[in-house]
C-alpha cells in the first residue's frame, strides 16, 4: 500500500488494488467485491451530477449498518459532498430536525425510517433515496427524478465498453475541506454538529494503518454503530482502505450472533466496547473461577499457570481463534475484568477518543498497554493538561492537531466555549499523564453518559422529558454502573399529599412515567430503573443540582 496524503486517494487505491476481492458482506447475506462497490459508487456519483448535487452539498445518511451504508458513505466522500450520518435509533422528529439543521440536499435512508418523516417539513431536500438500492422514495426535483429513472442508461453512456479500475478516479480532497458532520445529539435544543475536515479522517486512518497492521483478504467483524465515529473509523474506513473483507452485523448484535461471526470470520483484530467483553468474561469465565476446586488449583504454583493458559486458549477460541488484539473503546473497562485479562496475558488494549477528534486521542498496542491507562497520545496530536504536575495532580485534557474538528456546525458559541483561537480543544475530561506519556482518565467533567455501544447519552435531554411528567418535581439521570440508566426522582410532594396517595400509589405513578418516558427514547438511552428521593436535590447558588453528589446513589 502506498502512503497517501489524501483520504480519497486511499479509497481509490483500495478499490483498484483489490478489484476482485470481497469487500463487504452483510453477515448471513450477500457479498460485494471491491469491483461491485466501485460500480455502485460510480452510479451514485452520476446520480449526484445529473440531479445538480455539487461538491460541498450535504447528504444525510440515516440507516442501520449494512454494506450499502458503507457504499453510500464512501461514495459521498469520494464525490466531494459532505456526509451527515444520523443514528437510525433517533426518533423521527429528531431525524427530521437534523436533516433541516444540516441543510441536507439529499437523504439516503432506510425506507421504514422515511415513512415516519414528513417530506413537507424538510425544506432543503431535493428528495430521498433508499439505502438498500438507491431507489427513489421521494422527489421534489425533476432532475433528480429523471436521473434516478435513467441511471442505468446514463451509466451505459458514460462507460460504453466496460467499467475498469482505470475508471475509478475520485475527488482529490484538501486537508481543511469539510467532509463530515457528526451530530452528538438529536434533540432540537441540544444539537451539536461536529464538523470534521478530511485531515481528521485521514489522520485517524493513517494512524490505524501504521499501528493496526492488516492486509488484503483479512476478515473483520463490524458490530459497532457506523454512524458513530469509533465504529466508522476503526471498523469500516481502516479495513476497507487496507483491502480487508468486512462482515457487517446488520442488527443489534446478540452475544450468540457475535460468537457466530467470530467463529466464521476468524478476525485478527476485534474492535468493541467494554460491555461486550465484560459480559463474556462475567458469564463464561468468572463463574468457573468461583468454584471451590478451581480456587484451590489457582493457589498451587505451576498448576495455576497451566490452568490460566487453558482459560486463555478457550477465550481465544471464543473470539475466533485468530485474535491478535482486542481494541476496547467508548468507555472505561471494568477493573476486575481488566485485572483478569492481564493475569492471563490476553492481548487487549483500551483506547480513548471523542467525536470531535474523529475520534482517536490515545492508543497503545496490547504489548505496551498499562493497567487503567488508555494509551499514549496518537500521532499528529498534541496534548496538555491543566495541572502543575499532570502525573500526580489530574486536570482537564486539551488537545490540538490534525484530528481536531473545525468546530460545531452553525453553533459558534459552542465552538468558542471549547476551542481556543489557536486550535486547542478542551475535551472536558479530567486526566493524568504519566512521565512515559500514558494517559489515565479520572472522570468526566461533562455530564455525558456513554451508552452500552459507545453512544452519547445526554442526561439533561432525558431529565427535561421526565420533569414534564405527572408529579415529578425534579430528576437526575445517572449511570447505574452496569451500563444501565437510573432515574433519581424527587416527587411533587405537595400535589401528591393533596391527592391522598400512599407510597404504593406514588410508585405506580412513577412506573407509568418511566414507561411513557422510554416510549420517546432510543433503546440505548432508556431508563432501566428509578429511585424516589425523600429530599430535594442539593443545589449550587445558581440552583443547579450538584450532580457529583448523586453519581453513586
Protein backbone atom coordinates (compact mmCIF):
# COMPACT_ATOMS: atom_id res chain seq x y z
CA UNK A 1 0.00 0.00 0.00
CA UNK A 2 1.28 3.46 -0.93
CA UNK A 3 1.26 6.20 1.67
CA UNK A 4 -1.21 8.86 0.55
CA UNK A 5 -1.82 12.40 1.79
CA UNK A 6 -5.43 12.21 0.59
CA UNK A 7 -8.22 10.12 2.11
CA UNK A 8 -9.99 9.76 -1.23
CA UNK A 9 -6.80 8.56 -2.90
CA UNK A 10 -6.69 5.82 -0.28
CA UNK A 11 -10.22 4.79 -1.30
CA UNK A 12 -9.23 4.93 -4.95
CA UNK A 13 -6.14 2.76 -4.40
CA UNK A 14 -8.04 0.25 -2.23
CA UNK A 15 -10.62 -0.35 -4.95
CA UNK A 16 -8.11 -0.54 -7.80
CA UNK A 17 -5.66 -2.78 -5.92
CA UNK A 18 -8.30 -5.21 -4.58
CA UNK A 19 -10.67 -5.21 -7.54
CA UNK A 20 -11.78 -8.86 -7.40
CA UNK A 21 -11.51 -9.40 -3.64
CA UNK A 22 -14.54 -9.45 -1.31
CA UNK A 23 -15.07 -6.08 0.35
CA UNK A 24 -18.39 -6.01 2.23
CA UNK A 25 -20.69 -8.76 3.45
CA UNK A 26 -23.95 -8.39 5.33
CA UNK A 27 -23.41 -11.23 7.80
CA UNK A 28 -25.53 -14.14 6.61
CA UNK A 29 -26.30 -12.31 3.36
CA UNK A 30 -24.80 -11.08 0.10
CA UNK A 31 -21.19 -10.05 -0.55
CA UNK A 32 -19.91 -7.10 -2.58
CA UNK A 33 -16.43 -7.23 -4.10
CA UNK A 34 -14.35 -4.07 -4.36
CA UNK A 35 -15.34 -4.04 -8.06
CA UNK A 36 -19.04 -4.15 -7.08
CA UNK A 37 -18.53 -1.28 -4.66
CA UNK A 38 -16.80 0.74 -7.39
CA UNK A 39 -19.73 0.28 -9.82
CA UNK A 40 -22.29 1.31 -7.20
CA UNK A 41 -20.21 4.36 -6.27
CA UNK A 42 -19.92 5.33 -9.95
CA UNK A 43 -23.71 5.22 -10.28
CA UNK A 44 -24.15 7.28 -7.12
CA UNK A 45 -21.73 9.89 -8.48
CA UNK A 46 -23.72 10.07 -11.73
CA UNK A 47 -26.94 10.46 -9.76
CA UNK A 48 -25.39 13.37 -7.85
CA UNK A 49 -24.07 15.02 -11.02
CA UNK A 50 -27.29 14.68 -13.01
CA UNK A 51 -29.50 15.96 -10.18
CA UNK A 52 -27.37 19.03 -9.50
CA UNK A 53 -25.82 17.99 -6.18
CA UNK A 54 -22.42 19.67 -6.02
CA UNK A 55 -19.26 19.03 -4.02
CA UNK A 56 -19.79 20.63 -0.63
CA UNK A 57 -23.53 19.92 -0.55
CA UNK A 58 -24.80 17.97 2.45
CA UNK A 59 -26.11 14.40 2.12
CA UNK A 60 -27.79 12.73 5.11
CA UNK A 61 -27.20 9.01 5.66
CA UNK A 62 -29.67 7.52 8.14
CA UNK A 63 -29.91 3.73 8.21
CA UNK A 64 -28.90 0.65 10.12
CA UNK A 65 -25.47 -0.87 9.47
CA UNK A 66 -25.20 -2.57 6.09
CA UNK A 67 -22.90 -2.97 3.10
CA UNK A 68 -24.90 -0.32 1.24
CA UNK A 69 -24.48 2.08 4.15
CA UNK A 70 -20.73 1.81 3.55
CA UNK A 71 -21.16 2.27 -0.21
CA UNK A 72 -23.23 5.41 0.34
CA UNK A 73 -20.71 6.82 2.81
CA UNK A 74 -17.62 6.22 0.65
CA UNK A 75 -19.48 7.26 -2.47
CA UNK A 76 -20.45 10.61 -0.96
CA UNK A 77 -16.93 11.42 0.28
CA UNK A 78 -15.27 10.40 -2.98
CA UNK A 79 -17.65 12.73 -4.84
CA UNK A 80 -16.69 15.65 -2.59
CA UNK A 81 -20.09 16.09 -0.93
CA UNK A 82 -20.40 16.34 2.85
CA UNK A 83 -21.81 13.24 4.55
CA UNK A 84 -24.11 13.63 7.57
CA UNK A 85 -24.52 10.25 9.32
CA UNK A 86 -27.51 10.09 11.66
CA UNK A 87 -28.12 7.25 14.10
CA UNK A 88 -31.05 5.13 12.96
CA UNK A 89 -32.11 4.85 16.62
CA UNK A 90 -33.05 8.52 16.82
CA UNK A 91 -36.76 9.31 16.95
CA UNK A 92 -38.45 10.58 13.78
CA UNK A 93 -38.80 14.18 14.97
CA UNK A 94 -35.10 14.28 15.89
CA UNK A 95 -34.07 12.89 12.49
CA UNK A 96 -36.22 15.44 10.72
CA UNK A 97 -34.75 18.23 12.83
CA UNK A 98 -31.19 17.15 11.94
CA UNK A 99 -31.99 16.93 8.23
CA UNK A 100 -33.14 20.53 8.41
CA UNK A 101 -30.35 21.73 10.69
CA UNK A 102 -27.69 20.26 8.39
CA UNK A 103 -29.20 21.89 5.26
CA UNK A 104 -29.15 18.48 3.58
CA UNK A 105 -29.86 18.30 -0.16
CA UNK A 106 -30.50 14.56 -0.26
CA UNK A 107 -31.34 11.82 2.24
CA UNK A 108 -30.10 8.26 1.80
CA UNK A 109 -32.27 6.46 4.28
CA UNK A 110 -33.95 3.24 5.41
CA UNK A 111 -37.45 3.03 3.95
CA UNK A 112 -39.10 2.39 7.32
CA UNK A 113 -37.42 5.50 8.77
CA UNK A 114 -38.54 7.64 5.85
CA UNK A 115 -42.16 6.52 6.31
CA UNK A 116 -42.26 8.25 9.70
CA UNK A 117 -40.99 11.60 8.37
CA UNK A 118 -42.95 14.49 6.87
CA UNK A 119 -41.50 15.38 3.44
CA UNK A 120 -43.19 18.79 3.53
CA UNK A 121 -41.31 19.66 6.71
CA UNK A 122 -37.80 19.30 5.20
CA UNK A 123 -37.31 22.44 3.18
CA UNK A 124 -33.82 21.92 1.70
CA UNK A 125 -34.23 18.34 0.42
CA UNK A 126 -34.34 17.58 -3.28
CA UNK A 127 -35.54 14.13 -2.29
CA UNK A 128 -34.81 10.84 -0.59
CA UNK A 129 -33.47 7.52 -1.89
CA UNK A 130 -33.43 4.09 -0.28
CA UNK A 131 -30.11 2.96 1.18
CA UNK A 132 -30.97 -0.60 0.10
CA UNK A 133 -30.75 0.00 -3.67
CA UNK A 134 -30.80 3.79 -4.19
CA UNK A 135 -34.40 3.56 -5.44
CA UNK A 136 -36.47 6.73 -5.25
CA UNK A 137 -38.52 7.25 -2.10
CA UNK A 138 -39.47 10.88 -2.64
CA UNK A 139 -38.55 13.68 -5.02
CA UNK A 140 -39.13 17.43 -5.03
CA UNK A 141 -36.99 17.86 -8.13
CA UNK A 142 -37.50 16.79 -11.76
CA UNK A 143 -33.76 16.45 -12.42
CA UNK A 144 -33.38 14.02 -9.50
CA UNK A 145 -36.42 12.04 -10.66
CA UNK A 146 -35.13 11.85 -14.24
CA UNK A 147 -31.59 10.95 -13.14
CA UNK A 148 -32.77 8.06 -10.97
CA UNK A 149 -35.20 6.80 -13.61
CA UNK A 150 -32.49 6.72 -16.30
CA UNK A 151 -29.47 5.89 -14.15
CA UNK A 152 -28.53 2.62 -15.89
CA UNK A 153 -28.83 4.31 -19.26
CA UNK A 154 -26.64 7.22 -18.10
CA UNK A 155 -24.08 4.74 -16.73
CA UNK A 156 -24.02 2.89 -20.06
CA UNK A 157 -23.37 6.09 -21.97
CA UNK A 158 -20.59 7.14 -19.61
CA UNK A 159 -18.87 3.73 -19.74
CA UNK A 160 -19.86 2.29 -23.16
CA UNK A 161 -17.32 -0.56 -23.24
CA UNK A 162 -16.82 -1.74 -19.69
CA UNK A 163 -16.13 -0.30 -16.27
CA UNK A 164 -12.46 -0.85 -15.32
CA UNK A 165 -10.14 0.05 -12.43
CA UNK A 166 -8.83 2.94 -14.54
CA UNK A 167 -12.32 4.46 -14.43
CA UNK A 168 -12.07 4.82 -10.65
CA UNK A 169 -10.97 8.44 -10.31
CA UNK A 170 -12.13 10.32 -7.24
CA UNK A 171 -12.34 13.86 -5.90
CA UNK A 172 -8.94 14.95 -4.56
CA UNK A 173 -9.62 16.31 -1.12
CA UNK A 174 -7.74 19.06 0.70
CA UNK A 175 -6.88 18.96 4.39
CA UNK A 176 -9.19 21.69 5.65
CA UNK A 177 -12.10 20.75 3.41
CA UNK A 178 -15.24 19.74 5.32
CA UNK A 179 -16.19 16.11 4.69
CA UNK A 180 -18.46 15.05 7.57
CA UNK A 181 -20.89 16.46 10.11
CA UNK A 182 -21.48 14.15 13.07
CA UNK A 183 -24.31 15.04 15.42
CA UNK A 184 -23.65 14.31 19.07
CA UNK A 185 -27.38 14.52 19.86
CA UNK A 186 -30.68 14.53 18.05
CA UNK A 187 -32.89 16.86 20.06
CA UNK A 188 -33.69 20.36 18.90
CA UNK A 189 -32.21 22.19 21.86
CA UNK A 190 -29.06 20.12 22.13
CA UNK A 191 -27.92 19.52 18.53
CA UNK A 192 -24.19 19.93 18.04
CA UNK A 193 -22.94 19.00 14.59
CA UNK A 194 -19.23 18.22 14.79
CA UNK A 195 -17.57 19.45 11.59
CA UNK A 196 -14.71 17.12 10.65
CA UNK A 197 -12.36 18.03 7.79
CA UNK A 198 -10.66 15.46 5.57
CA UNK A 199 -7.45 15.82 7.57
CA UNK A 200 -9.18 14.43 10.66
CA UNK A 201 -10.41 11.26 8.99
CA UNK A 202 -7.14 10.89 7.05
CA UNK A 203 -5.02 11.28 10.21
CA UNK A 204 -7.10 8.71 12.09
CA UNK A 205 -6.91 6.23 9.22
CA UNK A 206 -3.18 6.84 8.75
CA UNK A 207 -2.55 6.09 12.42
CA UNK A 208 -4.54 2.86 12.14
CA UNK A 209 -2.67 1.77 9.00
CA UNK A 210 0.63 2.26 10.82
CA UNK A 211 -0.39 0.70 14.15
CA UNK A 212 -3.05 -1.92 13.40
CA UNK A 213 -1.47 -3.92 10.56
CA UNK A 214 -3.83 -5.93 8.36
CA UNK A 215 -3.75 -6.89 4.72
CA UNK A 216 -5.93 -7.75 1.71
CA UNK A 217 -8.42 -10.51 2.45
CA UNK A 218 -8.18 -10.31 6.24
CA UNK A 219 -11.60 -10.71 7.87
CA UNK A 220 -13.18 -8.03 10.06
CA UNK A 221 -16.36 -8.24 12.14
CA UNK A 222 -18.10 -4.85 12.17
CA UNK A 223 -20.54 -4.70 15.10
CA UNK A 224 -20.45 -1.06 16.32
CA UNK A 225 -22.79 1.68 15.01
CA UNK A 226 -21.28 3.04 11.78
CA UNK A 227 -22.95 6.41 12.40
CA UNK A 228 -20.59 6.75 15.39
CA UNK A 229 -17.01 7.81 14.72
CA UNK A 230 -15.44 4.93 16.69
CA UNK A 231 -17.13 2.18 14.68
CA UNK A 232 -16.90 4.15 11.44
CA UNK A 233 -13.17 4.84 11.58
CA UNK A 234 -11.77 1.67 13.15
CA UNK A 235 -14.29 -0.90 11.91
CA UNK A 236 -15.00 0.39 8.38
CA UNK A 237 -12.66 3.05 6.97
CA UNK A 238 -9.46 1.39 8.21
CA UNK A 239 -10.22 -2.15 6.99
CA UNK A 240 -11.71 -1.03 3.67
CA UNK A 241 -8.63 1.01 2.82
CA UNK A 242 -6.44 -1.96 3.83
CA UNK A 243 -8.28 -4.30 1.48
CA UNK A 244 -9.94 -6.30 4.25
CA UNK A 245 -13.18 -8.26 3.97
CA UNK A 246 -15.68 -6.54 6.29
CA UNK A 247 -18.52 -8.67 7.70
CA UNK A 248 -21.26 -6.35 8.94
CA UNK A 249 -23.70 -7.32 11.68
CA UNK A 250 -26.83 -5.67 10.34
CA UNK A 251 -28.93 -6.00 13.51
CA UNK A 252 -28.22 -5.11 17.12
CA UNK A 253 -25.83 -7.98 17.80
CA UNK A 254 -26.70 -10.59 20.43
CA UNK A 255 -23.83 -12.49 22.10
CA UNK A 256 -24.79 -15.58 20.08
CA UNK A 257 -24.59 -13.75 16.72
CA UNK A 258 -21.29 -12.12 17.70
CA UNK A 259 -19.79 -15.51 18.61
CA UNK A 260 -21.04 -16.99 15.33
CA UNK A 261 -19.41 -14.15 13.42
CA UNK A 262 -16.08 -14.57 15.21
CA UNK A 263 -16.13 -18.33 14.53
CA UNK A 264 -16.77 -17.77 10.82
CA UNK A 265 -14.51 -14.78 10.17
CA UNK A 266 -11.54 -15.57 12.49
CA UNK A 267 -10.61 -11.87 12.85
CA UNK A 268 -7.09 -10.79 13.78
CA UNK A 269 -8.32 -7.55 15.35
CA UNK A 270 -11.61 -7.05 17.17
CA UNK A 271 -12.98 -3.58 17.85
CA UNK A 272 -15.57 -3.46 20.63
CA UNK A 273 -16.92 -1.69 23.69
CA UNK A 274 -16.40 -2.78 27.33
CA UNK A 275 -19.93 -4.12 27.76
CA UNK A 276 -19.40 -6.97 25.27
CA UNK A 277 -16.07 -8.04 26.77
CA UNK A 278 -17.39 -7.77 30.31
CA UNK A 279 -20.45 -9.90 29.51
CA UNK A 280 -18.29 -12.65 28.03
CA UNK A 281 -15.87 -12.69 30.97
CA UNK A 282 -18.57 -12.43 33.63
CA UNK A 283 -20.81 -15.14 32.15
CA UNK A 284 -18.24 -17.59 30.74
CA UNK A 285 -15.19 -17.23 32.96
CA UNK A 286 -15.84 -15.74 36.40
CA UNK A 287 -18.46 -18.34 37.47
CA UNK A 288 -15.95 -21.09 36.66
CA UNK A 289 -13.23 -19.38 38.70
CA UNK A 290 -15.51 -19.20 41.74
CA UNK A 291 -15.82 -22.99 42.06
CA UNK A 292 -14.02 -24.27 45.21
CA UNK A 293 -11.79 -26.72 43.33
CA UNK A 294 -10.80 -24.08 40.82
CA UNK A 295 -9.93 -21.61 43.58
CA UNK A 296 -7.74 -24.23 45.21
CA UNK A 297 -5.95 -25.16 41.98
CA UNK A 298 -5.23 -21.49 41.23
CA UNK A 299 -3.31 -21.29 44.51
CA UNK A 300 -0.88 -24.06 43.50
CA UNK A 301 2.30 -22.88 41.72
CA UNK A 302 2.80 -24.23 38.19
CA UNK A 303 -0.74 -25.68 38.21
CA UNK A 304 -2.17 -22.16 38.18
CA UNK A 305 -0.08 -21.23 35.13
CA UNK A 306 -1.27 -24.29 33.20
CA UNK A 307 -4.87 -23.63 34.19
CA UNK A 308 -4.77 -19.95 33.26
CA UNK A 309 -3.14 -20.90 29.95
CA UNK A 310 -6.06 -23.20 29.15
CA UNK A 311 -8.54 -20.48 30.09
CA UNK A 312 -6.72 -18.09 27.75
CA UNK A 313 -6.87 -20.66 24.94
CA UNK A 314 -10.61 -21.13 25.46
CA UNK A 315 -11.17 -17.38 25.46
CA UNK A 316 -9.10 -17.04 22.29
CA UNK A 317 -11.33 -19.66 20.63
CA UNK A 318 -14.39 -17.70 21.75
CA UNK A 319 -13.08 -14.77 19.72
CA UNK A 320 -12.49 -16.89 16.62
CA UNK A 321 -9.12 -18.46 17.42
CA UNK A 322 -7.02 -15.96 15.45
CA UNK A 323 -7.24 -12.79 17.51
CA UNK A 324 -4.04 -10.79 17.93
CA UNK A 325 -5.59 -7.85 19.72
CA UNK A 326 -8.94 -6.69 21.07
CA UNK A 327 -9.31 -2.91 20.92
CA UNK A 328 -11.71 -1.54 23.53
CA UNK A 329 -13.10 1.98 23.46
CA UNK A 330 -16.17 4.05 24.17
CA UNK A 331 -15.92 3.76 27.97
CA UNK A 332 -13.60 2.52 30.69
CA UNK A 333 -13.10 -1.21 31.22
CA UNK A 334 -14.27 -2.77 34.49
CA UNK A 335 -11.28 -3.02 36.84
CA UNK A 336 -11.86 -6.70 37.82
CA UNK A 337 -12.19 -7.74 34.17
CA UNK A 338 -9.05 -5.84 33.24
CA UNK A 339 -7.09 -7.43 36.09
CA UNK A 340 -8.14 -10.87 34.89
CA UNK A 341 -7.20 -10.17 31.26
CA UNK A 342 -3.78 -9.03 32.41
CA UNK A 343 -3.39 -12.09 34.64
CA UNK A 344 -3.84 -14.47 31.69
CA UNK A 345 -1.78 -12.19 29.40
CA UNK A 346 -4.66 -11.75 26.97
CA UNK A 347 -3.97 -9.31 24.08
CA UNK A 348 -6.31 -6.41 24.78
CA UNK A 349 -5.86 -2.65 24.79
CA UNK A 350 -8.03 0.31 25.75
CA UNK A 351 -8.11 3.44 23.62
CA UNK A 352 -9.70 6.83 24.11
CA UNK A 353 -11.25 9.42 21.86
CA UNK A 354 -14.20 11.65 21.13
CA UNK A 355 -16.29 12.60 18.12
CA UNK A 356 -14.58 15.99 17.95
CA UNK A 357 -11.29 14.22 17.15
CA UNK A 358 -12.70 11.79 14.64
CA UNK A 359 -12.24 10.01 17.18
CA UNK A 360 -8.72 8.96 18.28
CA UNK A 361 -6.85 10.76 21.04
CA UNK A 362 -4.85 7.94 22.61
CA UNK A 363 -3.95 4.30 21.93
CA UNK A 364 -1.13 1.85 22.57
CA UNK A 365 -0.81 -1.73 21.32
CA UNK A 366 -1.58 -4.56 23.73
CA UNK A 367 2.13 -5.28 24.11
CA UNK A 368 2.60 -1.86 25.72
CA UNK A 369 -0.68 -1.06 27.45
CA UNK A 370 -0.79 -0.36 31.17
CA UNK A 371 -3.41 -1.13 33.78
CA UNK A 372 -6.21 1.50 33.83
CA UNK A 373 -4.49 3.53 31.08
CA UNK A 374 -5.90 4.29 27.64
CA UNK A 375 -2.52 4.51 25.92
CA UNK A 376 -0.33 7.27 24.58
CA UNK A 377 -1.42 10.34 22.62
CA UNK A 378 -1.69 9.38 18.94
CA UNK A 379 0.48 10.77 16.16
CA UNK A 380 -0.17 14.27 14.81
CA UNK A 381 -1.95 15.27 18.05
CA UNK A 382 -0.52 17.34 20.93
CA UNK A 383 -1.88 17.20 24.46
CA UNK A 384 -1.65 19.28 27.59
CA UNK A 385 -3.31 19.00 30.98
CA UNK A 386 -4.35 21.91 33.17
CA UNK A 387 -2.23 20.84 36.14
CA UNK A 388 1.03 21.83 37.77
CA UNK A 389 2.10 18.16 37.75
CA UNK A 390 -0.05 16.07 35.40
CA UNK A 391 1.49 12.79 36.60
CA UNK A 392 0.21 13.40 40.14
CA UNK A 393 -2.50 16.04 40.03
CA UNK A 394 -5.29 15.49 37.47
CA UNK A 395 -6.61 18.27 35.29
CA UNK A 396 -8.72 18.83 32.18
CA UNK A 397 -7.16 17.45 28.99
CA UNK A 398 -6.72 19.74 25.98
CA UNK A 399 -5.68 18.52 22.53
CA UNK A 400 -4.57 20.12 19.28
CA UNK A 401 -3.64 18.74 15.87
CA UNK A 402 -4.72 17.04 12.67
CA UNK A 403 -7.53 15.04 14.29
CA UNK A 404 -9.32 18.03 15.82
CA UNK A 405 -12.61 19.30 14.37
CA UNK A 406 -13.24 22.61 12.62
CA UNK A 407 -15.99 23.45 15.11
CA UNK A 408 -19.73 22.92 15.58
CA UNK A 409 -22.00 23.50 12.59
CA UNK A 410 -23.94 26.77 12.87
CA UNK A 411 -23.00 26.98 16.55
CA UNK A 412 -20.13 29.44 17.05
CA UNK A 413 -20.97 29.87 20.74
CA UNK A 414 -20.47 26.16 21.46
CA UNK A 415 -17.28 26.17 19.37
CA UNK A 416 -15.88 29.15 21.25
CA UNK A 417 -16.73 27.51 24.58
CA UNK A 418 -14.47 24.52 23.94
CA UNK A 419 -11.85 25.71 21.42
CA UNK A 420 -9.20 28.40 21.75
CA UNK A 421 -8.28 30.70 18.89
CA UNK A 422 -5.00 28.82 18.37
CA UNK A 423 -6.78 25.47 17.95
CA UNK A 424 -6.67 23.84 21.40
CA UNK A 425 -9.78 21.76 22.15
CA UNK A 426 -10.93 21.19 25.72
CA UNK A 427 -12.04 17.57 25.99
CA UNK A 428 -13.83 18.17 29.27
CA UNK A 429 -12.22 15.01 30.65
CA UNK A 430 -10.16 15.02 33.84
CA UNK A 431 -6.92 13.11 33.27
CA UNK A 432 -3.41 12.29 34.37
CA UNK A 433 -0.47 11.92 32.01
CA UNK A 434 2.47 9.96 33.44
CA UNK A 435 6.17 10.53 32.75
CA UNK A 436 6.12 7.89 29.97
CA UNK A 437 3.25 9.61 28.18
CA UNK A 438 0.45 7.22 29.21
CA UNK A 439 -2.97 8.79 29.67
CA UNK A 440 -5.37 7.96 32.52
CA UNK A 441 -8.98 9.16 32.54
CA UNK A 442 -10.04 10.09 36.08
CA UNK A 443 -13.52 11.40 35.41
CA UNK A 444 -15.78 13.30 33.06
CA UNK A 445 -16.11 16.99 33.52
CA UNK A 446 -19.11 16.95 31.26
CA UNK A 447 -22.37 15.26 32.14
CA UNK A 448 -22.44 12.99 29.11
CA UNK A 449 -23.01 9.28 29.76
CA UNK A 450 -21.60 6.70 27.35
CA UNK A 451 -24.14 4.08 26.30
CA UNK A 452 -23.52 0.32 26.03
CA UNK A 453 -22.22 0.56 22.46
CA UNK A 454 -20.46 3.90 22.84
CA UNK A 455 -23.48 6.10 22.11
CA UNK A 456 -23.52 9.61 23.55
CA UNK A 457 -26.31 9.99 26.13
CA UNK A 458 -27.08 13.46 27.40
CA UNK A 459 -28.93 13.24 30.74
CA UNK A 460 -30.35 16.76 30.50
CA UNK A 461 -32.44 15.73 27.50
CA UNK A 462 -33.96 12.78 29.36
CA UNK A 463 -34.48 14.82 32.53
CA UNK A 464 -36.25 17.52 30.53
CA UNK A 465 -38.79 14.95 29.32
CA UNK A 466 -39.16 13.27 32.73
CA UNK A 467 -39.67 16.54 34.60
CA UNK A 468 -42.71 17.24 32.44
CA UNK A 469 -44.50 14.06 33.54
CA UNK A 470 -47.05 13.71 36.33
CA UNK A 471 -45.97 14.56 39.88
CA UNK A 472 -42.24 14.85 39.05
CA UNK A 473 -40.70 17.89 40.73
CA UNK A 474 -37.14 17.29 39.54
CA UNK A 475 -34.94 14.41 38.48
CA UNK A 476 -31.44 13.24 37.72
CA UNK A 477 -30.38 10.58 35.23
CA UNK A 478 -27.24 8.75 36.31
CA UNK A 479 -25.16 5.81 35.13
CA UNK A 480 -26.07 2.80 37.26
CA UNK A 481 -22.57 1.38 36.80
CA UNK A 482 -23.76 -1.64 34.82
CA UNK A 483 -24.44 0.06 31.50
CA UNK A 484 -28.00 0.92 32.59
CA UNK A 485 -29.53 4.32 33.31
CA UNK A 486 -31.14 5.09 36.66
CA UNK A 487 -33.60 7.91 37.27
CA UNK A 488 -33.45 9.64 40.67
CA UNK A 489 -36.83 11.31 41.12
CA UNK A 490 -37.89 13.87 43.70
CA UNK A 491 -41.71 13.81 43.55
CA UNK A 492 -44.05 16.77 43.80
CA UNK A 493 -44.83 16.06 47.46
CA UNK A 494 -47.38 18.85 47.85
CA UNK A 495 -49.52 17.68 44.94
CA UNK A 496 -49.26 14.03 45.93
CA UNK A 497 -50.27 14.80 49.50
CA UNK A 498 -53.30 16.72 48.34
CA UNK A 499 -54.35 13.66 46.33
CA UNK A 500 -54.06 11.44 49.42
CA UNK A 501 -51.76 8.93 47.65
CA UNK A 502 -49.75 6.42 49.67
CA UNK A 503 -46.29 5.07 48.75
CA UNK A 504 -47.71 2.28 46.57
CA UNK A 505 -49.76 4.81 44.65
CA UNK A 506 -46.74 7.06 44.12
CA UNK A 507 -44.62 4.12 42.93
CA UNK A 508 -47.35 3.14 40.47
CA UNK A 509 -47.49 6.66 39.01
CA UNK A 510 -43.70 6.80 38.63
CA UNK A 511 -43.61 3.37 36.95
CA UNK A 512 -46.09 4.66 34.39
CA UNK A 513 -43.98 7.82 33.97
CA UNK A 514 -40.91 5.72 33.18
CA UNK A 515 -42.87 3.71 30.59
CA UNK A 516 -44.07 6.94 28.99
CA UNK A 517 -40.56 8.39 29.06
CA UNK A 518 -38.97 5.29 27.48
CA UNK A 519 -41.52 5.26 24.67
CA UNK A 520 -39.99 8.53 23.45
CA UNK A 521 -36.34 7.45 23.73
CA UNK A 522 -34.00 5.26 21.67
CA UNK A 523 -33.35 1.83 23.20
CA UNK A 524 -29.81 2.67 24.27
CA UNK A 525 -30.90 5.68 26.37
CA UNK A 526 -33.94 4.23 28.08
CA UNK A 527 -34.19 4.26 31.87
CA UNK A 528 -33.95 0.78 33.40
CA UNK A 529 -34.92 1.60 36.98
CA UNK A 530 -35.75 4.51 39.23
CA UNK A 531 -35.39 5.57 42.85
CA UNK A 532 -37.53 8.04 44.77
CA UNK A 533 -35.67 10.75 46.67
CA UNK A 534 -37.05 11.83 50.04
CA UNK A 535 -35.46 15.28 49.88
CA UNK A 536 -34.94 17.92 47.24
CA UNK A 537 -31.61 17.66 45.41
CA UNK A 538 -28.81 19.76 46.82
CA UNK A 539 -28.16 22.83 44.68
CA UNK A 540 -25.43 25.31 43.85
CA UNK A 541 -26.04 29.05 44.41
CA UNK A 542 -27.22 29.16 40.78
CA UNK A 543 -29.79 26.45 41.63
CA UNK A 544 -28.09 23.82 39.54
CA UNK A 545 -28.17 20.34 41.02
CA UNK A 546 -24.82 19.20 42.39
CA UNK A 547 -24.66 16.12 40.17
CA UNK A 548 -21.46 14.74 41.61
CA UNK A 549 -23.16 14.12 44.96
CA UNK A 550 -25.54 11.60 43.41
CA UNK A 551 -23.47 9.59 40.97
CA UNK A 552 -23.20 6.55 43.26
CA UNK A 553 -26.76 6.53 44.58
